[in-house]
Amino acid sequence: MELRKLAAASAGVGIVLSAAVVGVATPAMASTNCNTWTSADRATGYGKCTGGDTRFDTHRVKVVCIGPTGRTFNVYGKWVNTRDGETSKGVCSTDTKKSGVEVYKMSVETDRL
């Protein structure tokens, strides 16, 4: 019976400590600002985020491409470092005049490990 009380007390302390760590870590996180843009020929989409407070903050651009028939498909840029302000790019087409494929819309995905 005393073993149960000890286990319950230990679990309760663990939950309180976990909540305290989360509460302290959240305000310290730096805000992230992201921008997207396309190349002049609308063949490539770019995404760049700045901010982030650790070297593990990353982001990538998600580009929705559209072809001449109206069919869409997704292209993802590589994951890049947010704190260093690196740019991620997703290429829909290497020649939009021939293929008719171009950037339709874009967004940025972020991740923190």
N, C-alpha and C. Protein backbone atom coordinates (compact mmCIF):
# COMPACT_ATOMS: atom_id res chain seq x y z
N MET A 1 0.82 -1.19 0.00
CA MET A 1 0.00 0.00 0.00
C MET A 1 0.88 1.26 0.00
N GLU A 2 1.95 1.28 0.77
CA GLU A 2 2.83 2.45 0.79
C GLU A 2 3.55 2.60 -0.54
N LEU A 3 3.81 1.49 -1.24
CA LEU A 3 4.44 1.55 -2.55
C LEU A 3 3.55 2.28 -3.55
N ARG A 4 2.25 2.05 -3.47
CA ARG A 4 1.30 2.74 -4.36
C ARG A 4 1.33 4.24 -4.11
N LYS A 5 1.34 4.65 -2.85
CA LYS A 5 1.37 6.07 -2.53
C LYS A 5 2.65 6.72 -3.05
N LEU A 6 3.76 6.01 -2.92
CA LEU A 6 5.04 6.53 -3.39
C LEU A 6 5.01 6.68 -4.92
N ALA A 7 4.47 5.69 -5.62
CA ALA A 7 4.38 5.75 -7.09
C ALA A 7 3.46 6.90 -7.52
N ALA A 8 2.34 7.06 -6.84
CA ALA A 8 1.41 8.13 -7.19
C ALA A 8 2.04 9.49 -6.93
N ALA A 9 2.75 9.62 -5.83
CA ALA A 9 3.41 10.88 -5.51
C ALA A 9 4.50 11.20 -6.52
N SER A 10 5.27 10.19 -6.93
CA SER A 10 6.33 10.39 -7.92
C SER A 10 5.73 10.81 -9.26
N ALA A 11 4.64 10.18 -9.66
CA ALA A 11 3.99 10.54 -10.92
C ALA A 11 3.47 11.97 -10.85
N GLY A 12 2.89 12.35 -9.72
CA GLY A 12 2.38 13.71 -9.57
C GLY A 12 3.49 14.74 -9.65
N VAL A 13 4.63 14.48 -9.03
CA VAL A 13 5.77 15.39 -9.09
C VAL A 13 6.29 15.48 -10.52
N GLY A 14 6.34 14.35 -11.24
CA GLY A 14 6.79 14.35 -12.63
C GLY A 14 5.91 15.21 -13.51
N ILE A 15 4.61 15.15 -13.30
CA ILE A 15 3.67 15.96 -14.10
C ILE A 15 3.86 17.43 -13.79
N VAL A 16 4.02 17.78 -12.54
CA VAL A 16 4.22 19.17 -12.15
C VAL A 16 5.52 19.70 -12.74
N LEU A 17 6.61 18.91 -12.67
CA LEU A 17 7.88 19.36 -13.23
C LEU A 17 7.78 19.52 -14.75
N SER A 18 7.09 18.60 -15.43
CA SER A 18 6.92 18.71 -16.88
C SER A 18 6.17 19.98 -17.23
N ALA A 19 5.13 20.29 -16.50
CA ALA A 19 4.35 21.50 -16.76
C ALA A 19 5.21 22.74 -16.53
N ALA A 20 6.05 22.70 -15.51
CA ALA A 20 6.90 23.84 -15.22
C ALA A 20 7.91 24.07 -16.34
N VAL A 21 8.48 23.01 -16.89
CA VAL A 21 9.46 23.14 -17.97
C VAL A 21 8.79 23.72 -19.21
N VAL A 22 7.61 23.23 -19.56
CA VAL A 22 6.89 23.74 -20.73
C VAL A 22 6.54 25.20 -20.52
N GLY A 23 6.09 25.56 -19.34
CA GLY A 23 5.72 26.94 -19.06
C GLY A 23 6.91 27.88 -19.17
N VAL A 24 8.09 27.44 -18.79
CA VAL A 24 9.28 28.28 -18.86
C VAL A 24 9.80 28.37 -20.28
N ALA A 25 9.73 27.26 -21.04
CA ALA A 25 10.32 27.23 -22.38
C ALA A 25 9.50 28.05 -23.38
N THR A 26 8.21 28.08 -23.26
CA THR A 26 7.37 28.70 -24.27
C THR A 26 7.64 30.21 -24.45
N PRO A 27 7.72 31.02 -23.38
CA PRO A 27 7.96 32.44 -23.59
C PRO A 27 9.33 32.74 -24.18
N ALA A 28 10.29 31.84 -24.00
CA ALA A 28 11.64 32.10 -24.48
C ALA A 28 11.78 31.87 -25.98
N MET A 29 10.80 31.25 -26.61
CA MET A 29 10.89 30.95 -28.04
C MET A 29 10.81 32.24 -28.85
N ALA A 30 11.71 32.36 -29.80
CA ALA A 30 11.72 33.54 -30.66
C ALA A 30 10.63 33.42 -31.72
N SER A 31 10.05 34.54 -32.09
CA SER A 31 9.02 34.50 -33.13
C SER A 31 9.68 34.27 -34.49
N THR A 32 8.93 33.64 -35.38
CA THR A 32 9.44 33.34 -36.70
C THR A 32 8.63 34.13 -37.73
N ASN A 33 9.32 34.80 -38.64
CA ASN A 33 8.68 35.53 -39.73
C ASN A 33 9.01 34.82 -41.03
N CYS A 34 7.98 34.54 -41.84
CA CYS A 34 8.19 33.84 -43.10
C CYS A 34 7.65 34.65 -44.27
N ASN A 35 8.34 34.56 -45.39
CA ASN A 35 7.93 35.21 -46.63
C ASN A 35 8.03 34.21 -47.77
N THR A 36 7.15 34.35 -48.76
CA THR A 36 7.22 33.53 -49.97
C THR A 36 7.21 34.45 -51.19
N TRP A 37 7.82 33.98 -52.26
CA TRP A 37 7.80 34.71 -53.52
C TRP A 37 8.10 33.74 -54.66
N THR A 38 7.84 34.18 -55.88
CA THR A 38 8.11 33.35 -57.06
C THR A 38 9.17 34.01 -57.93
N SER A 39 9.75 33.19 -58.78
CA SER A 39 10.68 33.73 -59.78
C SER A 39 9.88 34.52 -60.81
N ALA A 40 10.55 35.31 -61.59
CA ALA A 40 9.89 36.17 -62.58
C ALA A 40 9.07 35.35 -63.58
N ASP A 41 9.53 34.15 -63.92
CA ASP A 41 8.80 33.32 -64.89
C ASP A 41 7.78 32.39 -64.21
N ARG A 42 7.62 32.52 -62.90
CA ARG A 42 6.67 31.72 -62.09
C ARG A 42 6.96 30.22 -62.14
N ALA A 43 8.21 29.85 -62.43
CA ALA A 43 8.59 28.44 -62.49
C ALA A 43 9.05 27.91 -61.13
N THR A 44 9.48 28.80 -60.24
CA THR A 44 10.06 28.41 -58.96
C THR A 44 9.43 29.23 -57.83
N GLY A 45 9.15 28.54 -56.72
CA GLY A 45 8.65 29.20 -55.52
C GLY A 45 9.70 29.17 -54.43
N TYR A 46 9.80 30.25 -53.69
CA TYR A 46 10.79 30.37 -52.63
C TYR A 46 10.10 30.65 -51.30
N GLY A 47 10.70 30.17 -50.21
CA GLY A 47 10.23 30.45 -48.86
C GLY A 47 11.41 30.70 -47.95
N LYS A 48 11.32 31.77 -47.19
CA LYS A 48 12.40 32.12 -46.26
C LYS A 48 11.80 32.53 -44.94
N CYS A 49 12.29 31.93 -43.87
CA CYS A 49 11.88 32.30 -42.52
C CYS A 49 13.09 32.78 -41.75
N THR A 50 12.86 33.73 -40.86
CA THR A 50 13.90 34.21 -39.96
C THR A 50 13.36 34.15 -38.55
N GLY A 51 14.25 34.13 -37.60
CA GLY A 51 13.86 33.99 -36.20
C GLY A 51 14.30 32.62 -35.72
N GLY A 52 13.50 32.03 -34.86
CA GLY A 52 13.88 30.73 -34.32
C GLY A 52 14.99 30.91 -33.31
N ASP A 53 14.94 30.13 -32.26
CA ASP A 53 15.92 30.31 -31.20
C ASP A 53 16.90 29.16 -31.06
N THR A 54 16.80 28.14 -31.89
CA THR A 54 17.76 27.04 -31.80
C THR A 54 18.23 26.67 -33.20
N ARG A 55 19.33 25.95 -33.25
CA ARG A 55 19.83 25.50 -34.55
C ARG A 55 18.96 24.41 -35.14
N PHE A 56 17.97 23.93 -34.38
CA PHE A 56 17.09 22.88 -34.85
C PHE A 56 15.80 23.42 -35.47
N ASP A 57 15.59 24.73 -35.47
CA ASP A 57 14.42 25.33 -36.11
C ASP A 57 14.62 25.28 -37.62
N THR A 58 13.71 24.62 -38.32
CA THR A 58 13.84 24.48 -39.76
C THR A 58 12.52 24.83 -40.45
N HIS A 59 12.60 25.06 -41.74
CA HIS A 59 11.41 25.34 -42.54
C HIS A 59 11.66 24.87 -43.97
N ARG A 60 10.56 24.70 -44.71
CA ARG A 60 10.66 24.40 -46.14
C ARG A 60 9.44 24.99 -46.83
N VAL A 61 9.61 25.28 -48.11
CA VAL A 61 8.51 25.81 -48.90
C VAL A 61 7.71 24.65 -49.48
N LYS A 62 6.40 24.81 -49.50
CA LYS A 62 5.51 23.88 -50.18
C LYS A 62 4.89 24.65 -51.33
N VAL A 63 5.16 24.20 -52.55
CA VAL A 63 4.68 24.88 -53.74
C VAL A 63 3.62 24.00 -54.40
N VAL A 64 2.47 24.59 -54.67
CA VAL A 64 1.44 23.90 -55.45
C VAL A 64 1.59 24.40 -56.88
N CYS A 65 1.89 23.47 -57.77
CA CYS A 65 2.09 23.79 -59.18
C CYS A 65 0.82 23.47 -59.96
N ILE A 66 0.61 24.18 -61.05
CA ILE A 66 -0.56 23.94 -61.89
C ILE A 66 -0.11 23.85 -63.36
N GLY A 67 -0.69 22.88 -64.05
CA GLY A 67 -0.36 22.68 -65.46
C GLY A 67 -1.42 23.29 -66.37
N PRO A 68 -1.22 23.20 -67.67
CA PRO A 68 -2.15 23.82 -68.63
C PRO A 68 -3.55 23.20 -68.61
N THR A 69 -3.68 21.98 -68.10
CA THR A 69 -5.00 21.35 -68.03
C THR A 69 -5.72 21.66 -66.71
N GLY A 70 -5.04 22.38 -65.82
CA GLY A 70 -5.64 22.71 -64.53
C GLY A 70 -5.30 21.71 -63.44
N ARG A 71 -4.55 20.71 -63.77
CA ARG A 71 -4.15 19.70 -62.78
C ARG A 71 -3.06 20.27 -61.88
N THR A 72 -3.16 20.00 -60.58
CA THR A 72 -2.18 20.52 -59.63
C THR A 72 -1.36 19.38 -59.03
N PHE A 73 -0.16 19.74 -58.56
CA PHE A 73 0.70 18.80 -57.84
C PHE A 73 1.58 19.60 -56.90
N ASN A 74 2.07 18.92 -55.86
CA ASN A 74 2.89 19.58 -54.84
C ASN A 74 4.37 19.33 -55.07
N VAL A 75 5.16 20.35 -54.80
CA VAL A 75 6.62 20.26 -54.81
C VAL A 75 7.10 20.85 -53.49
N TYR A 76 8.02 20.14 -52.83
CA TYR A 76 8.55 20.61 -51.56
C TYR A 76 10.02 20.98 -51.70
N GLY A 77 10.38 22.11 -51.12
CA GLY A 77 11.79 22.48 -51.06
C GLY A 77 12.47 21.70 -49.96
N LYS A 78 13.79 21.79 -49.91
CA LYS A 78 14.51 21.07 -48.85
C LYS A 78 14.36 21.83 -47.53
N TRP A 79 14.48 21.09 -46.42
CA TRP A 79 14.43 21.69 -45.09
C TRP A 79 15.70 22.52 -44.92
N VAL A 80 15.55 23.77 -44.47
CA VAL A 80 16.69 24.66 -44.24
C VAL A 80 16.58 25.30 -42.86
N ASN A 81 17.68 25.87 -42.41
CA ASN A 81 17.77 26.44 -41.06
C ASN A 81 17.06 27.80 -40.98
N THR A 82 16.16 27.91 -40.02
CA THR A 82 15.41 29.16 -39.83
C THR A 82 16.25 30.22 -39.14
N ARG A 83 16.99 29.84 -38.12
CA ARG A 83 17.77 30.81 -37.36
C ARG A 83 18.79 31.51 -38.25
N ASP A 84 19.32 30.80 -39.24
CA ASP A 84 20.29 31.39 -40.16
C ASP A 84 19.63 32.10 -41.34
N GLY A 85 18.28 32.07 -41.42
CA GLY A 85 17.56 32.76 -42.47
C GLY A 85 17.80 32.20 -43.86
N GLU A 86 17.94 30.88 -43.95
CA GLU A 86 18.17 30.25 -45.25
C GLU A 86 16.89 30.20 -46.08
N THR A 87 17.04 30.09 -47.39
CA THR A 87 15.91 30.07 -48.31
C THR A 87 15.70 28.67 -48.87
N SER A 88 14.45 28.23 -48.87
CA SER A 88 14.07 26.95 -49.44
C SER A 88 13.40 27.22 -50.79
N LYS A 89 13.66 26.35 -51.79
CA LYS A 89 13.03 26.58 -53.09
C LYS A 89 12.44 25.29 -53.64
N GLY A 90 11.31 25.45 -54.31
CA GLY A 90 10.64 24.33 -54.97
C GLY A 90 10.43 24.68 -56.43
N VAL A 91 10.90 23.82 -57.33
CA VAL A 91 10.84 24.10 -58.76
C VAL A 91 9.69 23.33 -59.40
N CYS A 92 8.77 24.06 -60.01
CA CYS A 92 7.65 23.44 -60.73
C CYS A 92 8.06 23.00 -62.13
N SER A 93 8.86 23.82 -62.78
CA SER A 93 9.24 23.55 -64.16
C SER A 93 10.55 24.26 -64.47
N THR A 94 11.34 23.65 -65.33
CA THR A 94 12.57 24.32 -65.75
C THR A 94 12.32 25.23 -66.94
N ASP A 95 11.17 25.06 -67.61
CA ASP A 95 10.82 25.92 -68.74
C ASP A 95 9.29 26.04 -68.81
N THR A 96 8.76 27.08 -68.20
CA THR A 96 7.30 27.24 -68.15
C THR A 96 6.69 27.51 -69.52
N LYS A 97 7.44 28.12 -70.44
CA LYS A 97 6.89 28.39 -71.78
C LYS A 97 6.61 27.10 -72.53
N LYS A 98 7.50 26.12 -72.41
CA LYS A 98 7.29 24.84 -73.10
C LYS A 98 6.28 23.96 -72.38
N SER A 99 6.40 23.88 -71.07
CA SER A 99 5.56 22.94 -70.31
C SER A 99 4.20 23.52 -69.93
N GLY A 100 4.13 24.82 -69.74
CA GLY A 100 2.89 25.44 -69.28
C GLY A 100 2.64 25.24 -67.80
N VAL A 101 3.61 24.69 -67.09
CA VAL A 101 3.49 24.44 -65.65
C VAL A 101 4.10 25.62 -64.90
N GLU A 102 3.38 26.12 -63.89
CA GLU A 102 3.88 27.24 -63.11
C GLU A 102 3.38 27.16 -61.67
N VAL A 103 3.87 28.06 -60.84
CA VAL A 103 3.47 28.13 -59.43
C VAL A 103 2.02 28.62 -59.36
N TYR A 104 1.21 27.88 -58.60
CA TYR A 104 -0.18 28.25 -58.38
C TYR A 104 -0.34 28.94 -57.03
N LYS A 105 0.20 28.32 -55.97
CA LYS A 105 0.21 28.93 -54.64
C LYS A 105 1.32 28.31 -53.82
N MET A 106 1.64 28.96 -52.69
CA MET A 106 2.74 28.51 -51.84
C MET A 106 2.41 28.68 -50.37
N SER A 107 3.12 27.91 -49.56
CA SER A 107 3.07 28.06 -48.11
C SER A 107 4.42 27.62 -47.56
N VAL A 108 4.63 27.86 -46.28
CA VAL A 108 5.87 27.46 -45.62
C VAL A 108 5.53 26.53 -44.47
N GLU A 109 6.23 25.42 -44.38
CA GLU A 109 6.09 24.50 -43.26
C GLU A 109 7.27 24.69 -42.34
N THR A 110 7.01 24.74 -41.04
CA THR A 110 8.09 24.92 -40.07
C THR A 110 8.14 23.70 -39.15
N ASP A 111 9.32 23.48 -38.59
CA ASP A 111 9.51 22.35 -37.68
C ASP A 111 10.54 22.74 -36.63
N ARG A 112 10.31 22.28 -35.44
CA ARG A 112 11.24 22.50 -34.33
C ARG A 112 11.45 21.16 -33.63
N LEU A 113 12.68 20.74 -33.55
CA LEU A 113 12.98 19.47 -32.89
C LEU A 113 13.13 19.66 -31.41
